[in-house]
Each structure stands twice: as C-alpha cells, then as structure tokens.
Amino acid sequence: MVAVSAIVGIGSSVAGVLTQVNDAKKRREFEQALSTMSQTQQNALNEKILRAKNDNERLSILINAVAQIKIGQASAKTDKDTKMAMIIIGGGVALLLTIFMIKKFA
C-alpha cells in the first residue's frame, strides 16, 4: 500500500519509469527517496522526465534525482553528527575545567 501511495504522489511519468526498475529493493529505495521531495520538486522532475527522449534518458534522470536526494540526506546526517560531536567535546572540556577548578580551590 505504501508503494502505491508513493507512486501516486510522484506523478504518472515518474511512476512509469519506476516500473522499469526490475529490482524490488531498488524500486522501494527510489520510492522512499522520491516521497521526501516537495510537490514543486516532484513537478519539476515529472517535467524533466516528460521531456526525455527515451526510456534510458528517463531512467538516468530518475537515478540522478535520487542520488541528489541521498547526497542531501547524507549531508544533513553529517551536520547532525558534527553538532553532536561538538556538544560532547564541549561537555568534556567543561567537565575537565570544573574538576580543575575544584582541585585548585579545594
């Protein structure tokens, strides 16, 4: 049911290209990535696919779109991981300073 709703949300031309993907795991991966797109992004992708001249070009456009989505997700995850590391390091430094101050003034 999720796959059907994902396909309905992304437009008929994109759905047509997705049916060409034989590997079910890859198809689900594409559908999940495409479901994170805004309506404007979905419409732009749909237009690009409609202008494509053949099935290989359509599939290439779809693969590039999914790759861009994955790059964005990886970048967001890296930013989150970097912030978490900075918080942990900052907390460690604050703890060491606190211990140093307690020992110095005790």
N, C-alpha and C. Protein backbone atom coordinates (compact mmCIF):
# COMPACT_ATOMS: atom_id res chain seq x y z
N MET A 1 0.82 -1.20 0.00
CA MET A 1 0.00 0.00 0.00
C MET A 1 0.86 1.26 0.00
N VAL A 2 1.99 1.25 0.74
CA VAL A 2 2.87 2.40 0.78
C VAL A 2 3.43 2.68 -0.60
N ALA A 3 3.81 1.62 -1.32
CA ALA A 3 4.38 1.80 -2.65
C ALA A 3 3.38 2.45 -3.59
N VAL A 4 2.15 2.03 -3.51
CA VAL A 4 1.11 2.59 -4.38
C VAL A 4 0.92 4.07 -4.07
N SER A 5 0.84 4.44 -2.80
CA SER A 5 0.64 5.84 -2.46
C SER A 5 1.85 6.68 -2.82
N ALA A 6 3.05 6.10 -2.72
CA ALA A 6 4.25 6.83 -3.11
C ALA A 6 4.25 7.09 -4.61
N ILE A 7 3.85 6.11 -5.39
CA ILE A 7 3.81 6.28 -6.84
C ILE A 7 2.75 7.29 -7.23
N VAL A 8 1.59 7.25 -6.60
CA VAL A 8 0.52 8.20 -6.92
C VAL A 8 0.97 9.62 -6.63
N GLY A 9 1.75 9.80 -5.56
CA GLY A 9 2.19 11.13 -5.18
C GLY A 9 3.25 11.72 -6.08
N ILE A 10 3.96 10.93 -6.85
CA ILE A 10 5.08 11.47 -7.60
C ILE A 10 4.81 11.72 -9.06
N GLY A 11 3.66 11.40 -9.55
CA GLY A 11 3.33 11.71 -10.93
C GLY A 11 3.41 10.48 -11.82
N SER A 12 2.61 10.51 -12.87
CA SER A 12 2.48 9.32 -13.72
C SER A 12 3.74 9.03 -14.52
N SER A 13 4.44 10.06 -14.98
CA SER A 13 5.64 9.79 -15.78
C SER A 13 6.75 9.18 -14.92
N VAL A 14 6.89 9.67 -13.68
CA VAL A 14 7.88 9.10 -12.77
C VAL A 14 7.49 7.68 -12.42
N ALA A 15 6.21 7.46 -12.17
CA ALA A 15 5.73 6.12 -11.85
C ALA A 15 6.00 5.16 -13.00
N GLY A 16 5.84 5.64 -14.22
CA GLY A 16 6.12 4.81 -15.39
C GLY A 16 7.58 4.40 -15.45
N VAL A 17 8.47 5.32 -15.11
CA VAL A 17 9.90 5.00 -15.11
C VAL A 17 10.20 4.01 -13.99
N LEU A 18 9.57 4.19 -12.85
CA LEU A 18 9.81 3.27 -11.72
C LEU A 18 9.42 1.84 -12.06
N THR A 19 8.43 1.66 -12.90
CA THR A 19 8.03 0.30 -13.25
C THR A 19 9.11 -0.40 -14.07
N GLN A 20 10.03 0.36 -14.65
CA GLN A 20 11.12 -0.24 -15.41
C GLN A 20 12.22 -0.79 -14.51
N VAL A 21 12.24 -0.39 -13.25
CA VAL A 21 13.24 -0.87 -12.32
C VAL A 21 12.82 -2.28 -11.88
N ASN A 22 13.60 -3.28 -12.28
CA ASN A 22 13.23 -4.67 -12.03
C ASN A 22 13.49 -5.11 -10.60
N ASP A 23 14.50 -4.55 -9.96
CA ASP A 23 14.86 -4.94 -8.60
C ASP A 23 13.89 -4.28 -7.62
N ALA A 24 13.12 -5.10 -6.91
CA ALA A 24 12.10 -4.58 -6.00
C ALA A 24 12.71 -3.74 -4.88
N LYS A 25 13.88 -4.14 -4.38
CA LYS A 25 14.54 -3.39 -3.32
C LYS A 25 14.94 -2.00 -3.82
N LYS A 26 15.49 -1.93 -5.02
CA LYS A 26 15.86 -0.64 -5.61
C LYS A 26 14.64 0.23 -5.85
N ARG A 27 13.55 -0.39 -6.33
CA ARG A 27 12.32 0.35 -6.59
C ARG A 27 11.81 0.99 -5.30
N ARG A 28 11.80 0.22 -4.20
CA ARG A 28 11.36 0.76 -2.91
C ARG A 28 12.27 1.90 -2.46
N GLU A 29 13.57 1.72 -2.67
CA GLU A 29 14.53 2.75 -2.30
C GLU A 29 14.25 4.04 -3.08
N PHE A 30 13.98 3.92 -4.38
CA PHE A 30 13.65 5.08 -5.19
C PHE A 30 12.36 5.73 -4.69
N GLU A 31 11.35 4.91 -4.44
CA GLU A 31 10.06 5.43 -3.99
C GLU A 31 10.20 6.18 -2.67
N GLN A 32 10.98 5.63 -1.74
CA GLN A 32 11.17 6.28 -0.45
C GLN A 32 11.90 7.61 -0.61
N ALA A 33 12.93 7.62 -1.44
CA ALA A 33 13.67 8.86 -1.67
C ALA A 33 12.78 9.91 -2.32
N LEU A 34 12.03 9.50 -3.33
CA LEU A 34 11.17 10.44 -4.05
C LEU A 34 10.03 10.95 -3.18
N SER A 35 9.60 10.15 -2.22
CA SER A 35 8.49 10.60 -1.35
C SER A 35 8.91 11.74 -0.43
N THR A 36 10.22 11.96 -0.27
CA THR A 36 10.69 13.07 0.57
C THR A 36 10.74 14.39 -0.19
N MET A 37 10.51 14.35 -1.50
CA MET A 37 10.54 15.56 -2.32
C MET A 37 9.30 16.41 -2.09
N SER A 38 9.48 17.72 -2.21
CA SER A 38 8.33 18.62 -2.13
C SER A 38 7.51 18.48 -3.41
N GLN A 39 6.31 19.02 -3.39
CA GLN A 39 5.45 18.96 -4.57
C GLN A 39 6.08 19.69 -5.75
N THR A 40 6.74 20.80 -5.48
CA THR A 40 7.40 21.56 -6.54
C THR A 40 8.53 20.74 -7.17
N GLN A 41 9.32 20.09 -6.32
CA GLN A 41 10.41 19.25 -6.82
C GLN A 41 9.86 18.07 -7.63
N GLN A 42 8.77 17.48 -7.15
CA GLN A 42 8.15 16.37 -7.87
C GLN A 42 7.65 16.82 -9.24
N ASN A 43 7.03 17.99 -9.28
CA ASN A 43 6.53 18.51 -10.55
C ASN A 43 7.68 18.78 -11.52
N ALA A 44 8.79 19.34 -11.02
CA ALA A 44 9.95 19.61 -11.88
C ALA A 44 10.54 18.31 -12.42
N LEU A 45 10.63 17.30 -11.57
CA LEU A 45 11.13 16.00 -12.00
C LEU A 45 10.21 15.39 -13.05
N ASN A 46 8.93 15.49 -12.80
CA ASN A 46 7.94 14.97 -13.74
C ASN A 46 8.09 15.64 -15.12
N GLU A 47 8.31 16.96 -15.12
CA GLU A 47 8.50 17.70 -16.38
C GLU A 47 9.77 17.25 -17.10
N LYS A 48 10.85 17.06 -16.35
CA LYS A 48 12.10 16.60 -16.96
C LYS A 48 11.91 15.23 -17.61
N ILE A 49 11.22 14.35 -16.91
CA ILE A 49 11.00 13.01 -17.43
C ILE A 49 10.11 13.05 -18.67
N LEU A 50 9.11 13.91 -18.66
CA LEU A 50 8.24 14.03 -19.83
C LEU A 50 9.00 14.53 -21.06
N ARG A 51 10.01 15.39 -20.85
CA ARG A 51 10.79 15.92 -21.96
C ARG A 51 11.86 14.95 -22.47
N ALA A 52 12.14 13.91 -21.69
CA ALA A 52 13.18 12.95 -22.09
C ALA A 52 12.77 12.23 -23.38
N LYS A 53 13.77 11.89 -24.17
CA LYS A 53 13.50 11.31 -25.49
C LYS A 53 13.29 9.79 -25.47
N ASN A 54 13.92 9.11 -24.50
CA ASN A 54 13.77 7.65 -24.47
C ASN A 54 13.80 7.14 -23.02
N ASP A 55 13.57 5.85 -22.87
CA ASP A 55 13.49 5.25 -21.55
C ASP A 55 14.82 5.34 -20.79
N ASN A 56 15.93 5.18 -21.50
CA ASN A 56 17.23 5.26 -20.83
C ASN A 56 17.46 6.65 -20.26
N GLU A 57 17.08 7.66 -21.01
CA GLU A 57 17.23 9.03 -20.53
C GLU A 57 16.32 9.29 -19.32
N ARG A 58 15.10 8.76 -19.36
CA ARG A 58 14.17 8.91 -18.24
C ARG A 58 14.73 8.25 -16.98
N LEU A 59 15.25 7.05 -17.15
CA LEU A 59 15.82 6.33 -16.01
C LEU A 59 17.04 7.06 -15.46
N SER A 60 17.84 7.62 -16.34
CA SER A 60 19.01 8.39 -15.92
C SER A 60 18.59 9.62 -15.11
N ILE A 61 17.56 10.30 -15.55
CA ILE A 61 17.04 11.47 -14.82
C ILE A 61 16.57 11.05 -13.43
N LEU A 62 15.87 9.94 -13.36
CA LEU A 62 15.37 9.44 -12.08
C LEU A 62 16.53 9.07 -11.15
N ILE A 63 17.53 8.39 -11.68
CA ILE A 63 18.68 7.99 -10.88
C ILE A 63 19.41 9.22 -10.36
N ASN A 64 19.58 10.24 -11.19
CA ASN A 64 20.24 11.48 -10.76
C ASN A 64 19.44 12.17 -9.66
N ALA A 65 18.13 12.19 -9.79
CA ALA A 65 17.28 12.83 -8.77
C ALA A 65 17.42 12.10 -7.43
N VAL A 66 17.39 10.79 -7.47
CA VAL A 66 17.52 10.01 -6.23
C VAL A 66 18.92 10.20 -5.62
N ALA A 67 19.94 10.27 -6.48
CA ALA A 67 21.30 10.49 -5.98
C ALA A 67 21.40 11.85 -5.28
N GLN A 68 20.79 12.87 -5.85
CA GLN A 68 20.81 14.20 -5.22
C GLN A 68 20.10 14.18 -3.87
N ILE A 69 19.00 13.44 -3.79
CA ILE A 69 18.28 13.33 -2.52
C ILE A 69 19.15 12.65 -1.48
N LYS A 70 19.81 11.57 -1.87
CA LYS A 70 20.66 10.84 -0.94
C LYS A 70 21.86 11.68 -0.49
N ILE A 71 22.42 12.47 -1.40
CA ILE A 71 23.52 13.36 -1.03
C ILE A 71 23.04 14.37 0.01
N GLY A 72 21.86 14.93 -0.20
CA GLY A 72 21.29 15.88 0.76
C GLY A 72 21.05 15.24 2.12
N GLN A 73 20.55 14.01 2.12
CA GLN A 73 20.30 13.31 3.38
C GLN A 73 21.61 13.01 4.09
N ALA A 74 22.63 12.60 3.34
CA ALA A 74 23.93 12.29 3.94
C ALA A 74 24.56 13.56 4.52
N SER A 75 24.41 14.67 3.81
CA SER A 75 24.94 15.94 4.29
C SER A 75 24.26 16.37 5.58
N ALA A 76 22.94 16.20 5.64
CA ALA A 76 22.19 16.56 6.85
C ALA A 76 22.62 15.68 8.01
N LYS A 77 22.84 14.40 7.74
CA LYS A 77 23.27 13.47 8.80
C LYS A 77 24.66 13.85 9.29
N THR A 78 25.56 14.22 8.37
CA THR A 78 26.91 14.61 8.74
C THR A 78 26.87 15.87 9.60
N ASP A 79 26.04 16.83 9.23
CA ASP A 79 25.91 18.05 10.03
C ASP A 79 25.42 17.73 11.43
N LYS A 80 24.45 16.83 11.54
CA LYS A 80 23.91 16.45 12.84
C LYS A 80 24.99 15.74 13.66
N ASP A 81 25.75 14.85 13.02
CA ASP A 81 26.81 14.14 13.73
C ASP A 81 27.90 15.10 14.20
N THR A 82 28.22 16.10 13.37
CA THR A 82 29.24 17.09 13.73
C THR A 82 28.78 17.90 14.94
N LYS A 83 27.52 18.31 14.94
CA LYS A 83 26.99 19.08 16.08
C LYS A 83 27.03 18.25 17.36
N MET A 84 26.67 16.96 17.24
CA MET A 84 26.68 16.09 18.41
C MET A 84 28.11 15.93 18.95
N ALA A 85 29.08 15.76 18.05
CA ALA A 85 30.47 15.62 18.47
C ALA A 85 30.95 16.89 19.17
N MET A 86 30.57 18.05 18.65
CA MET A 86 30.97 19.31 19.28
C MET A 86 30.35 19.46 20.67
N ILE A 87 29.12 19.03 20.83
CA ILE A 87 28.47 19.09 22.14
C ILE A 87 29.19 18.18 23.13
N ILE A 88 29.53 16.98 22.68
CA ILE A 88 30.23 16.03 23.56
C ILE A 88 31.61 16.56 23.94
N ILE A 89 32.34 17.08 22.96
CA ILE A 89 33.67 17.63 23.24
C ILE A 89 33.55 18.83 24.19
N GLY A 90 32.58 19.71 23.92
CA GLY A 90 32.37 20.86 24.79
C GLY A 90 32.02 20.45 26.22
N GLY A 91 31.18 19.43 26.33
CA GLY A 91 30.83 18.92 27.66
C GLY A 91 32.04 18.34 28.38
N GLY A 92 32.89 17.65 27.63
CA GLY A 92 34.10 17.08 28.22
C GLY A 92 35.04 18.16 28.71
N VAL A 93 35.21 19.21 27.89
CA VAL A 93 36.07 20.33 28.28
C VAL A 93 35.51 21.02 29.52
N ALA A 94 34.21 21.24 29.55
CA ALA A 94 33.58 21.88 30.72
C ALA A 94 33.77 21.03 31.97
N LEU A 95 33.65 19.72 31.83
CA LEU A 95 33.85 18.82 32.97
C LEU A 95 35.29 18.88 33.46
N LEU A 96 36.26 18.87 32.54
CA LEU A 96 37.67 18.95 32.94
C LEU A 96 37.97 20.28 33.63
N LEU A 97 37.42 21.37 33.11
CA LEU A 97 37.63 22.67 33.75
C LEU A 97 37.02 22.71 35.15
N THR A 98 35.86 22.10 35.30
CA THR A 98 35.21 22.06 36.61
C THR A 98 36.06 21.27 37.59
N ILE A 99 36.56 20.13 37.15
CA ILE A 99 37.41 19.32 38.03
C ILE A 99 38.68 20.08 38.39
N PHE A 100 39.29 20.74 37.42
CA PHE A 100 40.50 21.52 37.65
C PHE A 100 40.23 22.63 38.66
N MET A 101 39.11 23.34 38.50
CA MET A 101 38.77 24.44 39.41
C MET A 101 38.52 23.93 40.83
N ILE A 102 37.86 22.80 40.96
CA ILE A 102 37.57 22.23 42.28
C ILE A 102 38.87 21.83 42.96
N LYS A 103 39.77 21.20 42.23
CA LYS A 103 41.05 20.77 42.82
C LYS A 103 41.92 21.98 43.18
N LYS A 104 41.88 23.01 42.35
CA LYS A 104 42.72 24.18 42.58
C LYS A 104 42.25 24.96 43.81
N PHE A 105 40.94 25.07 44.00
CA PHE A 105 40.42 25.88 45.09
C PHE A 105 40.03 25.05 46.31
N ALA A 106 40.25 23.75 46.27
CA ALA A 106 39.88 22.91 47.40
C ALA A 106 41.02 22.74 48.36
